Amino acid sequence: MEGFNHSRISEFVLLGLTDSPDLQIFLFVVFTIFYLITMLGNCLILLTVISTPHLHSPMYFLLSNLSLIDMCLSSFATPKMIMDFLVQQKTISFEGCISQIFFLHLFTGTEIVLLISMSFDRYIAICKPLHYSTIMSQRVCVGLVVTSWTVGFLHTMSQLAFTLYLPFCGPKVIDSFFCDLPLVIQLACIDIYVLGIFMISTSGVIALISFLLLLTSYIIVLVTIKNHSSKGSSKALSTCTAHFIVVFMFFGPCIFIYVWPFTNFLVDKILSVFYTIFTPFLNPLIYTLRNQEVKTAMKNRLSNRYFGIRKTAPQSPVK
């Protein structure tokens, strides 16, 4: 990889979230708990959807893929950040830094398209219910997921296409807990104005347009729901509200960070934590707490597993 960028820097220094030893221990405990709950919650949703026949529908198929992406998104940088709380010198190799950028934009790009697919699914289900089974066929659902990963891959490759060729010969300190593109390219030994415009157009504007598109679709859905007062409409409203909360939590930080990429605000660190750690953590909570079908399926799965273990447990003979 050195042949690509002719870099004299072999590693970068990460400043992390704080330099206070006491606060680092506290954050180590907190983020370890958050990470474990995130992985457990999303894995539980994934397994529940796969193992429950009546959840084999387009909406839950897309939801299970969202859980998979959230597990990936929370794992590209969080484990290293947790371990870095225990060391004084927080460094990352150039190759490791590029890998973090690659996976960050792969997973975020994929999640953007998947969230759009989920809003399309709700739009068809509520606005065109008679044609839902025809439009949202298994082939279409698989195609939407494949398209999501394809777009995510093309997006991240477009970001790395110019990053690999940048010369890094000066400062190597990154004021964050992971390698994010706006922070890394600021360390290049050339004028990055044009690169900044390219990054804004491919990340910030795309995120903004996608958010406005999703917002418009949910407004249409909510207006349709308002005109149909019924139990089914109430359930649809609950589902769409959960979807929009996820959309807002995910797109808000991305838009702020990538529309103004070269401003160093403390809030940037907080927002980075939000969409890489908190959003994947909250997604399973939002979907399970606001979705009765998922909650019931999870309870049944856990209770069956628990009582199944108790039934198969050997009983000691009565003397």
C-alpha atoms as a PDB file:
ATOM      1  CA  MET A   1       0.000   0.000   0.000  1.00  0.00           C
ATOM      2  CA  GLU A   2       2.968   2.288   0.464  1.00  0.00           C
ATOM      3  CA  GLY A   3       3.476   2.160  -3.274  1.00  0.00           C
ATOM      4  CA  PHE A   4       0.154   3.870  -3.759  1.00  0.00           C
ATOM      5  CA  ASN A   5       0.647   6.934  -1.586  1.00  0.00           C
ATOM      6  CA  HIS A   6       4.435   7.226  -1.178  1.00  0.00           C
ATOM      7  CA  SER A   7       3.730   7.962   2.487  1.00  0.00           C
ATOM      8  CA  ARG A   8       6.540   8.469   4.987  1.00  0.00           C
ATOM      9  CA  ILE A   9       4.054   7.816   7.793  1.00  0.00           C
ATOM     10  CA  SER A  10       3.537   4.234   8.872  1.00  0.00           C
ATOM     11  CA  GLU A  11       1.008   4.950  11.629  1.00  0.00           C
ATOM     12  CA  PHE A  12      -1.341   7.585  13.007  1.00  0.00           C
ATOM     13  CA  VAL A  13      -1.912   8.680  16.595  1.00  0.00           C
ATOM     14  CA  LEU A  14      -5.511   8.727  17.833  1.00  0.00           C
ATOM     15  CA  LEU A  15      -6.334  11.223  20.586  1.00  0.00           C
ATOM     16  CA  GLY A  16      -9.464   9.316  21.536  1.00  0.00           C
ATOM     17  CA  LEU A  17     -12.407  10.761  23.439  1.00  0.00           C
ATOM     18  CA  THR A  18     -10.545  11.995  26.508  1.00  0.00           C
ATOM     19  CA  ASP A  19      -7.092  12.062  28.107  1.00  0.00           C
ATOM     20  CA  SER A  20      -8.377  11.706  31.675  1.00  0.00           C
ATOM     21  CA  PRO A  21      -7.304   8.313  33.129  1.00  0.00           C
ATOM     22  CA  ASP A  22     -10.310   8.095  35.464  1.00  0.00           C
ATOM     23  CA  LEU A  23     -12.753   8.993  32.713  1.00  0.00           C
ATOM     24  CA  GLN A  24     -11.133   6.468  30.380  1.00  0.00           C
ATOM     25  CA  ILE A  25     -11.775   3.653  32.867  1.00  0.00           C
ATOM     26  CA  PHE A  26     -15.386   4.776  33.205  1.00  0.00           C
ATOM     27  CA  LEU A  27     -15.826   4.933  29.420  1.00  0.00           C
ATOM     28  CA  PHE A  28     -14.176   1.533  29.056  1.00  0.00           C
ATOM     29  CA  VAL A  29     -16.855  -0.030  31.251  1.00  0.00           C
ATOM     30  CA  VAL A  30     -19.726   1.913  29.677  1.00  0.00           C
ATOM     31  CA  PHE A  31     -18.812   1.253  26.037  1.00  0.00           C
ATOM     32  CA  THR A  32     -18.005  -2.395  26.721  1.00  0.00           C
ATOM     33  CA  ILE A  33     -21.530  -2.844  28.086  1.00  0.00           C
ATOM     34  CA  PHE A  34     -23.002  -0.896  25.158  1.00  0.00           C
ATOM     35  CA  TYR A  35     -21.091  -2.982  22.632  1.00  0.00           C
ATOM     36  CA  LEU A  36     -22.065  -6.318  24.170  1.00  0.00           C
ATOM     37  CA  ILE A  37     -25.739  -5.313  24.381  1.00  0.00           C
ATOM     38  CA  THR A  38     -25.614  -4.060  20.779  1.00  0.00           C
ATOM     39  CA  MET A  39     -24.227  -7.331  19.485  1.00  0.00           C
ATOM     40  CA  LEU A  40     -26.579  -9.434  21.617  1.00  0.00           C
ATOM     41  CA  GLY A  41     -29.691  -7.391  20.729  1.00  0.00           C
ATOM     42  CA  ASN A  42     -29.081  -7.298  16.988  1.00  0.00           C
ATOM     43  CA  CYS A  43     -28.051 -10.961  16.937  1.00  0.00           C
ATOM     44  CA  LEU A  44     -31.257 -11.842  18.795  1.00  0.00           C
ATOM     45  CA  ILE A  45     -33.359  -9.968  16.227  1.00  0.00           C
ATOM     46  CA  LEU A  46     -31.529 -11.700  13.394  1.00  0.00           C
ATOM     47  CA  LEU A  47     -31.986 -15.168  14.875  1.00  0.00           C
ATOM     48  CA  THR A  48     -35.614 -14.470  15.810  1.00  0.00           C
ATOM     49  CA  VAL A  49     -36.542 -13.429  12.274  1.00  0.00           C
ATOM     50  CA  ILE A  50     -34.725 -16.398  10.759  1.00  0.00           C
ATOM     51  CA  SER A  51     -36.273 -18.963  13.127  1.00  0.00           C
ATOM     52  CA  THR A  52     -39.842 -17.597  13.211  1.00  0.00           C
ATOM     53  CA  PRO A  53     -41.904 -18.564  10.115  1.00  0.00           C
ATOM     54  CA  HIS A  54     -44.550 -15.847  10.458  1.00  0.00           C
ATOM     55  CA  LEU A  55     -41.788 -13.204  10.440  1.00  0.00           C
ATOM     56  CA  HIS A  56     -40.616 -14.323   6.996  1.00  0.00           C
ATOM     57  CA  SER A  57     -42.032 -11.202   5.354  1.00  0.00           C
ATOM     58  CA  PRO A  58     -40.377  -8.371   3.413  1.00  0.00           C
ATOM     59  CA  MET A  59     -40.398  -5.942   6.348  1.00  0.00           C
ATOM     60  CA  TYR A  60     -38.698  -8.354   8.743  1.00  0.00           C
ATOM     61  CA  PHE A  61     -36.327  -9.579   6.062  1.00  0.00           C
ATOM     62  CA  LEU A  62     -35.097  -5.997   5.661  1.00  0.00           C
ATOM     63  CA  LEU A  63     -35.070  -5.536   9.441  1.00  0.00           C
ATOM     64  CA  SER A  64     -32.835  -8.572   9.905  1.00  0.00           C
ATOM     65  CA  ASN A  65     -30.422  -7.179   7.323  1.00  0.00           C
ATOM     66  CA  LEU A  66     -30.418  -3.856   9.186  1.00  0.00           C
ATOM     67  CA  SER A  67     -29.448  -5.744  12.346  1.00  0.00           C
ATOM     68  CA  LEU A  68     -26.604  -7.419  10.454  1.00  0.00           C
ATOM     69  CA  ILE A  69     -25.312  -4.066   9.189  1.00  0.00           C
ATOM     70  CA  ASP A  70     -25.608  -2.549  12.672  1.00  0.00           C
ATOM     71  CA  MET A  71     -23.460  -5.344  14.089  1.00  0.00           C
ATOM     72  CA  CYS A  72     -20.872  -4.620  11.409  1.00  0.00           C
ATOM     73  CA  LEU A  73     -21.081  -0.841  11.915  1.00  0.00           C
ATOM     74  CA  SER A  74     -20.587  -1.140  15.657  1.00  0.00           C
ATOM     75  CA  SER A  75     -17.600  -3.477  15.204  1.00  0.00           C
ATOM     76  CA  PHE A  76     -15.379  -1.646  12.699  1.00  0.00           C
ATOM     77  CA  ALA A  77     -13.969   0.754  15.333  1.00  0.00           C
ATOM     78  CA  THR A  78     -15.606   0.161  18.726  1.00  0.00           C
ATOM     79  CA  PRO A  79     -13.499  -2.834  19.877  1.00  0.00           C
ATOM     80  CA  LYS A  80     -10.276  -0.901  19.197  1.00  0.00           C
ATOM     81  CA  MET A  81     -11.641   2.182  20.945  1.00  0.00           C
ATOM     82  CA  ILE A  82     -12.488   0.057  23.997  1.00  0.00           C
ATOM     83  CA  MET A  83      -9.001  -1.453  24.087  1.00  0.00           C
ATOM     84  CA  ASP A  84      -7.395   1.962  23.572  1.00  0.00           C
ATOM     85  CA  PHE A  85      -8.923   3.122  26.872  1.00  0.00           C
ATOM     86  CA  LEU A  86      -6.453   0.770  28.558  1.00  0.00           C
ATOM     87  CA  VAL A  87      -3.296   2.025  26.817  1.00  0.00           C
ATOM     88  CA  GLN A  88      -1.521   5.354  27.000  1.00  0.00           C
ATOM     89  CA  GLN A  89      -0.314   5.568  23.396  1.00  0.00           C
ATOM     90  CA  LYS A  90      -3.224   5.118  21.002  1.00  0.00           C
ATOM     91  CA  THR A  91      -1.870   4.366  17.532  1.00  0.00           C
ATOM     92  CA  ILE A  92      -3.195   2.757  14.373  1.00  0.00           C
ATOM     93  CA  SER A  93      -1.242   1.616  11.348  1.00  0.00           C
ATOM     94  CA  PHE A  94      -1.776   3.285   7.987  1.00  0.00           C
ATOM     95  CA  GLU A  95      -3.302   0.082   6.647  1.00  0.00           C
ATOM     96  CA  GLY A  96      -5.575  -0.160   9.690  1.00  0.00           C
ATOM     97  CA  CYS A  97      -6.645   3.454   9.221  1.00  0.00           C
ATOM     98  CA  ILE A  98      -7.523   2.897   5.559  1.00  0.00           C
ATOM     99  CA  SER A  99      -9.423  -0.266   6.543  1.00  0.00           C
ATOM    100  CA  GLN A 100     -11.526   1.702   9.026  1.00  0.00           C
ATOM    101  CA  ILE A 101     -12.397   4.266   6.343  1.00  0.00           C
ATOM    102  CA  PHE A 102     -13.275   1.456   3.929  1.00  0.00           C
ATOM    103  CA  PHE A 103     -15.603  -0.349   6.343  1.00  0.00           C
ATOM    104  CA  LEU A 104     -17.151   2.863   7.704  1.00  0.00           C
ATOM    105  CA  HIS A 105     -18.282   4.032   4.255  1.00  0.00           C
ATOM    106  CA  LEU A 106     -19.201   0.502   3.177  1.00  0.00           C
ATOM    107  CA  PHE A 107     -21.551  -0.023   6.112  1.00  0.00           C
ATOM    108  CA  THR A 108     -22.972   3.513   6.199  1.00  0.00           C
ATOM    109  CA  GLY A 109     -23.530   3.543   2.433  1.00  0.00           C
ATOM    110  CA  THR A 110     -25.224   0.158   2.639  1.00  0.00           C
ATOM    111  CA  GLU A 111     -27.408   1.254   5.555  1.00  0.00           C
ATOM    112  CA  ILE A 112     -28.527   4.402   3.722  1.00  0.00           C
ATOM    113  CA  VAL A 113     -29.840   2.373   0.773  1.00  0.00           C
ATOM    114  CA  LEU A 114     -31.348  -0.237   3.101  1.00  0.00           C
ATOM    115  CA  LEU A 115     -33.232   2.435   5.068  1.00  0.00           C
ATOM    116  CA  ILE A 116     -34.581   3.770   1.770  1.00  0.00           C
ATOM    117  CA  SER A 117     -35.647   0.219   0.879  1.00  0.00           C
ATOM    118  CA  MET A 118     -37.417  -0.131   4.232  1.00  0.00           C
ATOM    119  CA  SER A 119     -39.308   3.128   3.675  1.00  0.00           C
ATOM    120  CA  PHE A 120     -40.275   1.902   0.182  1.00  0.00           C
ATOM    121  CA  ASP A 121     -41.582  -1.299   1.745  1.00  0.00           C
ATOM    122  CA  ARG A 122     -43.748   0.654   4.218  1.00  0.00           C
ATOM    123  CA  TYR A 123     -44.968   2.966   1.444  1.00  0.00           C
ATOM    124  CA  ILE A 124     -46.139   0.019  -0.664  1.00  0.00           C
ATOM    125  CA  ALA A 125     -47.679  -1.764   2.342  1.00  0.00           C
ATOM    126  CA  ILE A 126     -49.726   1.268   3.410  1.00  0.00           C
ATOM    127  CA  CYS A 127     -50.413   3.158   0.183  1.00  0.00           C
ATOM    128  CA  LYS A 128     -50.773   0.162  -2.175  1.00  0.00           C
ATOM    129  CA  PRO A 129     -51.764  -2.755   0.085  1.00  0.00           C
ATOM    130  CA  LEU A 130     -53.519  -4.733  -2.652  1.00  0.00           C
ATOM    131  CA  HIS A 131     -50.350  -4.858  -4.731  1.00  0.00           C
ATOM    132  CA  TYR A 132     -47.944  -5.389  -1.812  1.00  0.00           C
ATOM    133  CA  SER A 133     -47.342  -9.119  -2.241  1.00  0.00           C
ATOM    134  CA  THR A 134     -46.811  -8.664  -5.974  1.00  0.00           C
ATOM    135  CA  ILE A 135     -44.437  -5.709  -5.746  1.00  0.00           C
ATOM    136  CA  MET A 136     -42.483  -6.802  -2.666  1.00  0.00           C
ATOM    137  CA  SER A 137     -41.720 -10.315  -3.877  1.00  0.00           C
ATOM    138  CA  GLN A 138     -38.823 -12.375  -2.564  1.00  0.00           C
ATOM    139  CA  ARG A 139     -36.796 -11.542  -5.667  1.00  0.00           C
ATOM    140  CA  VAL A 140     -37.363  -7.798  -5.139  1.00  0.00           C
ATOM    141  CA  CYS A 141     -36.379  -8.007  -1.462  1.00  0.00           C
ATOM    142  CA  VAL A 142     -33.165  -9.877  -2.238  1.00  0.00           C
ATOM    143  CA  GLY A 143     -32.474  -7.400  -5.045  1.00  0.00           C
ATOM    144  CA  LEU A 144     -32.880  -4.460  -2.647  1.00  0.00           C
ATOM    145  CA  VAL A 145     -30.398  -5.970  -0.192  1.00  0.00           C
ATOM    146  CA  VAL A 146     -27.881  -6.805  -2.933  1.00  0.00           C
ATOM    147  CA  THR A 147     -28.269  -3.280  -4.316  1.00  0.00           C
ATOM    148  CA  SER A 148     -27.651  -1.846  -0.846  1.00  0.00           C
ATOM    149  CA  TRP A 149     -24.328  -3.675  -0.468  1.00  0.00           C
ATOM    150  CA  THR A 150     -23.338  -2.878  -4.058  1.00  0.00           C
ATOM    151  CA  VAL A 151     -23.970   0.837  -3.608  1.00  0.00           C
ATOM    152  CA  GLY A 152     -22.112   0.765  -0.285  1.00  0.00           C
ATOM    153  CA  PHE A 153     -19.112  -0.897  -1.923  1.00  0.00           C
ATOM    154  CA  LEU A 154     -19.047   1.539  -4.864  1.00  0.00           C
ATOM    155  CA  HIS A 155     -19.368   4.474  -2.479  1.00  0.00           C
ATOM    156  CA  THR A 156     -16.478   3.403  -0.261  1.00  0.00           C
ATOM    157  CA  MET A 157     -14.260   2.654  -3.259  1.00  0.00           C
ATOM    158  CA  SER A 158     -14.920   6.155  -4.586  1.00  0.00           C
ATOM    159  CA  GLN A 159     -13.672   7.546  -1.269  1.00  0.00           C
ATOM    160  CA  LEU A 160     -10.553   5.381  -1.211  1.00  0.00           C
ATOM    161  CA  ALA A 161      -9.751   6.008  -4.885  1.00  0.00           C
ATOM    162  CA  PHE A 162      -8.134   9.333  -4.043  1.00  0.00           C
ATOM    163  CA  THR A 163      -7.216   8.724  -0.384  1.00  0.00           C
ATOM    164  CA  LEU A 164      -4.704   5.982  -1.259  1.00  0.00           C
ATOM    165  CA  TYR A 165      -2.779   8.370  -3.498  1.00  0.00           C
ATOM    166  CA  LEU A 166      -2.507  11.204  -0.964  1.00  0.00           C
ATOM    167  CA  PRO A 167       0.997  11.938   0.372  1.00  0.00           C
ATOM    168  CA  PHE A 168       1.142  11.903   4.188  1.00  0.00           C
ATOM    169  CA  CYS A 169       4.442  13.387   5.266  1.00  0.00           C
ATOM    170  CA  GLY A 170       3.654  15.805   8.078  1.00  0.00           C
ATOM    171  CA  PRO A 171       1.476  15.617  11.198  1.00  0.00           C
ATOM    172  CA  LYS A 172      -0.050  12.282  12.080  1.00  0.00           C
ATOM    173  CA  VAL A 173      -2.379  13.089  14.982  1.00  0.00           C
ATOM    174  CA  ILE A 174      -6.100  12.389  14.486  1.00  0.00           C
ATOM    175  CA  ASP A 175      -8.405  14.065  16.985  1.00  0.00           C
ATOM    176  CA  SER A 176     -10.889  11.194  17.216  1.00  0.00           C
ATOM    177  CA  PHE A 177     -11.181   7.583  18.354  1.00  0.00           C
ATOM    178  CA  PHE A 178     -11.136   6.198  14.792  1.00  0.00           C
ATOM    179  CA  CYS A 179     -10.021   7.187  11.291  1.00  0.00           C
ATOM    180  CA  ASP A 180     -12.700   9.272   9.628  1.00  0.00           C
ATOM    181  CA  LEU A 181     -12.143  10.616   6.132  1.00  0.00           C
ATOM    182  CA  PRO A 182     -12.484  14.381   6.868  1.00  0.00           C
ATOM    183  CA  LEU A 183      -9.889  14.127   9.644  1.00  0.00           C
ATOM    184  CA  VAL A 184      -7.435  11.930   7.742  1.00  0.00           C
ATOM    185  CA  ILE A 185      -7.240  13.927   4.504  1.00  0.00           C
ATOM    186  CA  GLN A 186      -6.501  17.079   6.514  1.00  0.00           C
ATOM    187  CA  LEU A 187      -3.128  15.489   7.315  1.00  0.00           C
ATOM    188  CA  ALA A 188      -2.148  15.234   3.639  1.00  0.00           C
ATOM    189  CA  CYS A 189       0.773  17.328   2.379  1.00  0.00           C
ATOM    190  CA  ILE A 190      -1.246  18.920  -0.444  1.00  0.00           C
ATOM    191  CA  ASP A 191      -4.116  21.346  -0.836  1.00  0.00           C
ATOM    192  CA  ILE A 192      -7.269  19.375  -0.051  1.00  0.00           C
ATOM    193  CA  TYR A 193      -9.870  21.956  -1.103  1.00  0.00           C
ATOM    194  CA  VAL A 194     -10.884  20.093  -4.268  1.00  0.00           C
ATOM    195  CA  LEU A 195     -10.883  16.781  -2.404  1.00  0.00           C
ATOM    196  CA  GLY A 196     -13.096  18.340   0.241  1.00  0.00           C
ATOM    197  CA  ILE A 197     -15.626  19.421  -2.373  1.00  0.00           C
ATOM    198  CA  PHE A 198     -15.603  15.893  -3.817  1.00  0.00           C
ATOM    199  CA  MET A 199     -16.131  14.379  -0.388  1.00  0.00           C
ATOM    200  CA  ILE A 200     -19.006  16.756   0.375  1.00  0.00           C
ATOM    201  CA  SER A 201     -20.686  15.913  -2.928  1.00  0.00           C
ATOM    202  CA  THR A 202     -20.315  12.145  -2.479  1.00  0.00           C
ATOM    203  CA  SER A 203     -21.075  11.874   1.246  1.00  0.00           C
ATOM    204  CA  GLY A 204     -22.711  14.962   2.708  1.00  0.00           C
ATOM    205  CA  VAL A 205     -25.042  15.791  -0.180  1.00  0.00           C
ATOM    206  CA  ILE A 206     -25.964  12.135  -0.747  1.00  0.00           C
ATOM    207  CA  ALA A 207     -26.849  11.781   2.941  1.00  0.00           C
ATOM    208  CA  LEU A 208     -28.871  15.019   2.857  1.00  0.00           C
ATOM    209  CA  ILE A 209     -30.785  14.088  -0.306  1.00  0.00           C
ATOM    210  CA  SER A 210     -31.456  10.577   1.009  1.00  0.00           C
ATOM    211  CA  PHE A 211     -32.783  12.003   4.273  1.00  0.00           C
ATOM    212  CA  LEU A 212     -35.093  14.441   2.459  1.00  0.00           C
ATOM    213  CA  LEU A 213     -36.309  11.599   0.242  1.00  0.00           C
ATOM    214  CA  LEU A 214     -37.040   9.447   3.265  1.00  0.00           C
ATOM    215  CA  LEU A 215     -38.711  12.337   5.054  1.00  0.00           C
ATOM    216  CA  THR A 216     -40.994  12.922   2.056  1.00  0.00           C
ATOM    217  CA  SER A 217     -41.941   9.251   1.839  1.00  0.00           C
ATOM    218  CA  TYR A 218     -42.810   9.064   5.531  1.00  0.00           C
ATOM    219  CA  ILE A 219     -44.888  12.247   5.295  1.00  0.00           C
ATOM    220  CA  ILE A 220     -46.884  10.636   2.466  1.00  0.00           C
ATOM    221  CA  VAL A 221     -47.291   7.464   4.516  1.00  0.00           C
ATOM    222  CA  LEU A 222     -48.380   9.383   7.628  1.00  0.00           C
ATOM    223  CA  VAL A 223     -50.945  11.363   5.634  1.00  0.00           C
ATOM    224  CA  THR A 224     -52.297   8.089   4.243  1.00  0.00           C
ATOM    225  CA  ILE A 225     -52.473   6.584   7.733  1.00  0.00           C
ATOM    226  CA  LYS A 226     -54.306   9.648   9.058  1.00  0.00           C
ATOM    227  CA  ASN A 227     -57.062   9.142   6.481  1.00  0.00           C
ATOM    228  CA  HIS A 228     -57.607   5.540   7.610  1.00  0.00           C
ATOM    229  CA  SER A 229     -58.510   5.260  11.261  1.00  0.00           C
ATOM    230  CA  SER A 230     -58.306   1.613  12.257  1.00  0.00           C
ATOM    231  CA  LYS A 231     -56.345  -0.861  14.339  1.00  0.00           C
ATOM    232  CA  GLY A 232     -54.185  -1.710  11.349  1.00  0.00           C
ATOM    233  CA  SER A 233     -53.463   1.958  10.770  1.00  0.00           C
ATOM    234  CA  SER A 234     -52.400   2.356  14.387  1.00  0.00           C
ATOM    235  CA  LYS A 235     -49.990  -0.552  13.981  1.00  0.00           C
ATOM    236  CA  ALA A 236     -48.642   0.955  10.752  1.00  0.00           C
ATOM    237  CA  LEU A 237     -48.187   4.312  12.488  1.00  0.00           C
ATOM    238  CA  SER A 238     -46.183   2.657  15.275  1.00  0.00           C
ATOM    239  CA  THR A 239     -43.963   0.864  12.737  1.00  0.00           C
ATOM    240  CA  CYS A 240     -43.356   3.998  10.662  1.00  0.00           C
ATOM    241  CA  THR A 241     -42.593   6.048  13.774  1.00  0.00           C
ATOM    242  CA  ALA A 242     -39.942   3.511  14.782  1.00  0.00           C
ATOM    243  CA  HIS A 243     -38.484   3.595  11.270  1.00  0.00           C
ATOM    244  CA  PHE A 244     -38.299   7.391  11.242  1.00  0.00           C
ATOM    245  CA  ILE A 245     -36.593   7.529  14.650  1.00  0.00           C
ATOM    246  CA  VAL A 246     -33.904   5.230  13.282  1.00  0.00           C
ATOM    247  CA  VAL A 247     -33.584   7.348  10.131  1.00  0.00           C
ATOM    248  CA  PHE A 248     -33.232  10.586  12.099  1.00  0.00           C
ATOM    249  CA  MET A 249     -30.638   9.139  14.499  1.00  0.00           C
ATOM    250  CA  PHE A 250     -28.563   7.776  11.633  1.00  0.00           C
ATOM    251  CA  PHE A 251     -28.721  10.655   9.145  1.00  0.00           C
ATOM    252  CA  GLY A 252     -28.497  13.573  11.583  1.00  0.00           C
ATOM    253  CA  PRO A 253     -24.854  13.029  12.628  1.00  0.00           C
ATOM    254  CA  CYS A 254     -23.774  12.005   9.096  1.00  0.00           C
ATOM    255  CA  ILE A 255     -25.196  15.184   7.551  1.00  0.00           C
ATOM    256  CA  PHE A 256     -23.637  17.429  10.184  1.00  0.00           C
ATOM    257  CA  ILE A 257     -20.182  15.845   9.923  1.00  0.00           C
ATOM    258  CA  TYR A 258     -19.948  15.515   6.140  1.00  0.00           C
ATOM    259  CA  VAL A 259     -21.654  18.718   4.992  1.00  0.00           C
ATOM    260  CA  TRP A 260     -19.113  20.735   7.044  1.00  0.00           C
ATOM    261  CA  PRO A 261     -16.179  18.300   6.925  1.00  0.00           C
ATOM    262  CA  PHE A 262     -13.239  20.556   7.824  1.00  0.00           C
ATOM    263  CA  THR A 263     -14.515  22.122  11.021  1.00  0.00           C
ATOM    264  CA  ASN A 264     -13.161  20.697  14.267  1.00  0.00           C
ATOM    265  CA  PHE A 265     -15.991  20.788  16.779  1.00  0.00           C
ATOM    266  CA  LEU A 266     -16.195  18.833  20.003  1.00  0.00           C
ATOM    267  CA  VAL A 267     -19.701  17.912  18.908  1.00  0.00           C
ATOM    268  CA  ASP A 268     -18.188  16.013  15.962  1.00  0.00           C
ATOM    269  CA  LYS A 269     -16.742  13.472  18.410  1.00  0.00           C
ATOM    270  CA  ILE A 270     -20.076  13.126  20.157  1.00  0.00           C
ATOM    271  CA  LEU A 271     -21.908  12.655  16.872  1.00  0.00           C
ATOM    272  CA  SER A 272     -19.327  10.096  15.733  1.00  0.00           C
ATOM    273  CA  VAL A 273     -20.009   8.114  18.897  1.00  0.00           C
ATOM    274  CA  PHE A 274     -23.720   8.473  18.245  1.00  0.00           C
ATOM    275  CA  TYR A 275     -23.920   6.965  14.764  1.00  0.00           C
ATOM    276  CA  THR A 276     -21.202   4.340  15.269  1.00  0.00           C
ATOM    277  CA  ILE A 277     -22.207   3.148  18.760  1.00  0.00           C
ATOM    278  CA  PHE A 278     -25.508   4.544  20.023  1.00  0.00           C
ATOM    279  CA  THR A 279     -27.566   4.089  16.837  1.00  0.00           C
ATOM    280  CA  PRO A 280     -26.703   0.373  16.441  1.00  0.00           C
ATOM    281  CA  PHE A 281     -27.386   0.030  20.187  1.00  0.00           C
ATOM    282  CA  LEU A 282     -30.789   1.755  20.018  1.00  0.00           C
ATOM    283  CA  ASN A 283     -32.045   0.118  16.814  1.00  0.00           C
ATOM    284  CA  PRO A 284     -32.948  -3.246  18.388  1.00  0.00           C
ATOM    285  CA  LEU A 285     -34.510  -1.485  21.385  1.00  0.00           C
ATOM    286  CA  ILE A 286     -36.671   0.723  19.151  1.00  0.00           C
ATOM    287  CA  TYR A 287     -37.829  -2.113  16.934  1.00  0.00           C
ATOM    288  CA  THR A 288     -38.527  -4.555  19.766  1.00  0.00           C
ATOM    289  CA  LEU A 289     -40.191  -2.079  22.127  1.00  0.00           C
ATOM    290  CA  ARG A 290     -42.449  -0.650  19.402  1.00  0.00           C
ATOM    291  CA  ASN A 291     -43.192  -3.874  17.529  1.00  0.00           C
ATOM    292  CA  GLN A 292     -45.473  -6.387  19.219  1.00  0.00           C
ATOM    293  CA  GLU A 293     -44.785  -9.170  16.707  1.00  0.00           C
ATOM    294  CA  VAL A 294     -41.036  -9.055  17.292  1.00  0.00           C
ATOM    295  CA  LYS A 295     -41.471  -8.853  21.066  1.00  0.00           C
ATOM    296  CA  THR A 296     -43.826 -11.843  21.085  1.00  0.00           C
ATOM    297  CA  ALA A 297     -41.536 -13.901  18.839  1.00  0.00           C
ATOM    298  CA  MET A 298     -38.534 -13.109  21.043  1.00  0.00           C
ATOM    299  CA  LYS A 299     -40.418 -14.023  24.223  1.00  0.00           C
ATOM    300  CA  ASN A 300     -41.589 -17.288  22.695  1.00  0.00           C
ATOM    301  CA  ARG A 301     -38.103 -18.142  21.495  1.00  0.00           C
ATOM    302  CA  LEU A 302     -36.484 -17.368  24.853  1.00  0.00           C
ATOM    303  CA  SER A 303     -39.220 -19.103  26.878  1.00  0.00           C
ATOM    304  CA  ASN A 304     -39.168 -22.200  24.659  1.00  0.00           C
ATOM    305  CA  ARG A 305     -35.415 -22.378  24.916  1.00  0.00           C
ATOM    306  CA  TYR A 306     -35.496 -21.889  28.683  1.00  0.00           C
ATOM    307  CA  PHE A 307     -38.264 -24.398  29.363  1.00  0.00           C
ATOM    308  CA  GLY A 308     -36.788 -26.754  26.793  1.00  0.00           C
ATOM    309  CA  ILE A 309     -33.556 -26.787  28.770  1.00  0.00           C
ATOM    310  CA  ARG A 310     -35.471 -27.393  31.999  1.00  0.00           C
ATOM    311  CA  LYS A 311     -37.424 -30.262  30.456  1.00  0.00           C
ATOM    312  CA  THR A 312     -34.297 -31.975  29.209  1.00  0.00           C
ATOM    313  CA  ALA A 313     -32.422 -31.451  32.457  1.00  0.00           C
ATOM    314  CA  PRO A 314     -31.932 -34.755  34.308  1.00  0.00           C
ATOM    315  CA  GLN A 315     -33.965 -35.087  37.490  1.00  0.00           C
ATOM    316  CA  SER A 316     -32.474 -36.734  40.509  1.00  0.00           C
ATOM    317  CA  PRO A 317     -34.417 -39.779  41.807  1.00  0.00           C
ATOM    318  CA  VAL A 318     -36.513 -39.320  44.945  1.00  0.00           C
ATOM    319  CA  LYS A 319     -35.252 -41.356  47.821  1.00  0.00           C
END
